[in-house]
Each structure stands twice: as structure tokens, then as C-alpha cells.
Amino acid sequence: MAKGTFDAAAFYAALNQTREARRLTWKQVAEQAGVSASTLTRMAQGKRPDVDGLAALASWSDLKADTFVKRGETDAEPETMAMISTYLRADRNLSPDAAQALESIIATSYNQLRKK
């Protein structure tokens, strides 16, 4: 099984480029992104942000976190149901309960119809 790793240094460098382009200080980045200044300091020291910090900074910068994930030596595709679940849960037209209900219906059908 391939192990993926997050390239925190590349993500931080891309954040820095975004910060410079917007002519902001790191303090302003922290305020606008909704993360603590210590999160950015830790990242500058080579540490990884926590998942909420990563999400906030990716959203603020319009960077896609997936771009910074190094995959192992596999060309495996994501599981179909994992992708469907992701899209359903991200759909603003669905409540969390509705997304879960649709996911359950689709999963049941998918598992019955997929090639074994």
C-alpha cells in the first residue's frame, strides 16, 4: 500500500508567494485566514499545520491542498464511493442528513451492481 505525504515546505512556500503578491504581513495572513500566528510560525519551522489550519489557509490562498500531497508509487484511482461521498457532502443543496441518505442509497446500489 502506498503512503502519501504532505509537502508542508512547498505549501508554506506557495503561501508565502500568495502573501507577497497580496502585500500582506504574516500577521495579516493569520487574521484573514482565521489561524493563529503560532500556526504560521510552526510552519516556517518546517512543521505541518493541523487539518483545520490547513483547510483555512488553503481556502484563504485558493491553493488546493491535494496539490501538495506526494503519493507513493501507485497509480491507483480513488474509490468511486469515496468520491461520490465527497461530492454529496460538499453539495450546498443537501443537508448532512440528506447527503448521508443519498450516500447510503447509492452505496447499496453500487455494491449490488459493481463487477466483483
Protein backbone atom coordinates (compact mmCIF):
# COMPACT_ATOMS: atom_id res chain seq x y z
CA MET A 1 0.00 0.00 0.00
CA ALA A 2 1.39 3.40 -0.96
CA LYS A 3 1.81 6.05 1.65
CA GLY A 4 1.03 9.67 0.85
CA THR A 5 2.86 12.55 2.50
CA PHE A 6 2.08 16.24 2.71
CA ASP A 7 4.81 18.59 1.42
CA ALA A 8 4.47 21.26 4.11
CA ALA A 9 7.53 23.16 2.89
CA ALA A 10 6.10 23.53 -0.62
CA PHE A 11 2.73 24.57 0.80
CA TYR A 12 4.38 27.17 3.01
CA ALA A 13 6.41 28.48 0.06
CA ALA A 14 3.24 28.82 -2.02
CA LEU A 15 1.53 30.60 0.89
CA ASN A 16 4.48 32.97 1.07
CA GLN A 17 4.16 33.73 -2.64
CA THR A 18 0.46 34.47 -2.16
CA ARG A 19 1.22 36.65 0.87
CA GLU A 20 3.84 38.63 -1.04
CA ALA A 21 1.57 39.05 -4.07
CA ARG A 22 -1.14 40.44 -1.79
CA ARG A 23 1.43 42.60 0.06
CA LEU A 24 0.48 41.30 3.48
CA THR A 25 2.36 40.56 6.65
CA TRP A 26 2.19 37.11 8.21
CA LYS A 27 0.13 38.64 11.00
CA GLN A 28 -2.42 39.84 8.43
CA VAL A 29 -2.46 36.40 6.82
CA ALA A 30 -3.21 34.82 10.20
CA GLU A 31 -6.04 37.28 10.84
CA GLN A 32 -7.59 36.94 7.39
CA ALA A 33 -7.27 33.16 7.24
CA GLY A 34 -8.51 32.67 10.79
CA VAL A 35 -5.45 30.81 12.07
CA SER A 36 -3.14 31.63 14.93
CA ALA A 37 0.16 33.36 14.26
CA SER A 38 1.83 30.42 16.01
CA THR A 39 0.48 28.10 13.30
CA LEU A 40 2.36 30.11 10.71
CA THR A 41 5.47 30.26 12.89
CA ARG A 42 5.44 26.48 13.29
CA MET A 43 5.02 26.09 9.53
CA ALA A 44 8.01 28.39 8.96
CA GLN A 45 9.99 25.97 11.15
CA GLY A 46 9.02 23.04 8.93
CA LYS A 47 6.07 21.73 10.95
CA ARG A 48 2.78 20.72 9.37
CA PRO A 49 -0.42 22.63 10.10
CA ASP A 50 -3.32 20.81 11.74
CA VAL A 51 -6.17 19.86 9.45
CA ASP A 52 -8.32 22.89 10.37
CA GLY A 53 -5.37 25.23 9.85
CA LEU A 54 -4.61 23.61 6.52
CA ALA A 55 -8.22 23.99 5.41
CA ALA A 56 -8.32 27.64 6.49
CA LEU A 57 -5.05 28.50 4.77
CA ALA A 58 -5.94 26.62 1.59
CA SER A 59 -9.27 28.43 1.45
CA TRP A 60 -7.67 31.81 2.11
CA SER A 61 -4.98 31.33 -0.52
CA ASP A 62 -7.10 29.47 -3.11
CA LEU A 63 -4.45 26.75 -3.09
CA LYS A 64 -5.58 23.14 -3.40
CA ALA A 65 -4.11 21.09 -0.57
CA ASP A 66 -4.16 17.99 -2.78
CA THR A 67 -1.52 19.62 -4.97
CA PHE A 68 0.94 19.26 -2.08
CA VAL A 69 0.27 15.59 -1.36
CA LYS A 70 3.03 13.35 -2.62
CA ARG A 71 1.64 9.99 -3.49
CA GLY A 72 3.51 6.73 -3.29
CA GLU A 73 4.49 4.73 -6.32
CA THR A 74 0.97 3.75 -7.19
CA ASP A 75 -1.34 4.96 -9.91
CA ALA A 76 -4.44 3.82 -8.04
CA GLU A 77 -7.62 5.76 -8.61
CA PRO A 78 -9.72 6.96 -5.66
CA GLU A 79 -12.53 4.64 -4.69
CA THR A 80 -15.74 5.51 -6.51
CA MET A 81 -17.87 5.67 -3.37
CA ALA A 82 -15.29 7.88 -1.64
CA MET A 83 -15.53 10.38 -4.49
CA ILE A 84 -19.34 10.25 -4.57
CA SER A 85 -19.45 10.78 -0.81
CA THR A 86 -17.12 13.77 -1.12
CA TYR A 87 -19.34 15.40 -3.72
CA LEU A 88 -22.56 14.71 -1.82
CA ARG A 89 -21.18 16.12 1.44
CA ALA A 90 -19.89 19.23 -0.34
CA ASP A 91 -23.23 19.93 -2.06
CA ARG A 92 -24.69 23.07 -0.52
CA ASN A 93 -28.15 21.99 -1.61
CA LEU A 94 -28.10 18.99 0.70
CA SER A 95 -28.30 18.86 4.47
CA PRO A 96 -25.83 16.50 6.16
CA ASP A 97 -28.68 14.04 6.77
CA ALA A 98 -29.80 14.20 3.14
CA ALA A 99 -26.24 13.66 1.91
CA GLN A 100 -25.91 10.63 4.21
CA ALA A 101 -29.23 9.21 3.00
CA LEU A 102 -28.25 9.57 -0.66
CA GLU A 103 -24.84 8.08 0.05
CA SER A 104 -26.47 5.06 1.65
CA ILE A 105 -28.85 4.56 -1.28
CA ILE A 106 -26.08 4.90 -3.87
CA ALA A 107 -23.69 2.65 -1.93
CA THR A 108 -26.28 -0.11 -1.68
CA SER A 109 -26.97 0.05 -5.42
CA TYR A 110 -23.31 0.36 -6.34
CA ASN A 111 -22.29 -2.64 -4.25
CA GLN A 112 -25.01 -4.79 -5.82
CA LEU A 113 -24.16 -3.77 -9.39
CA ARG A 114 -20.37 -3.44 -9.48
CA LYS A 115 -18.17 -6.09 -11.03
CA LYS A 116 -16.78 -8.49 -8.46
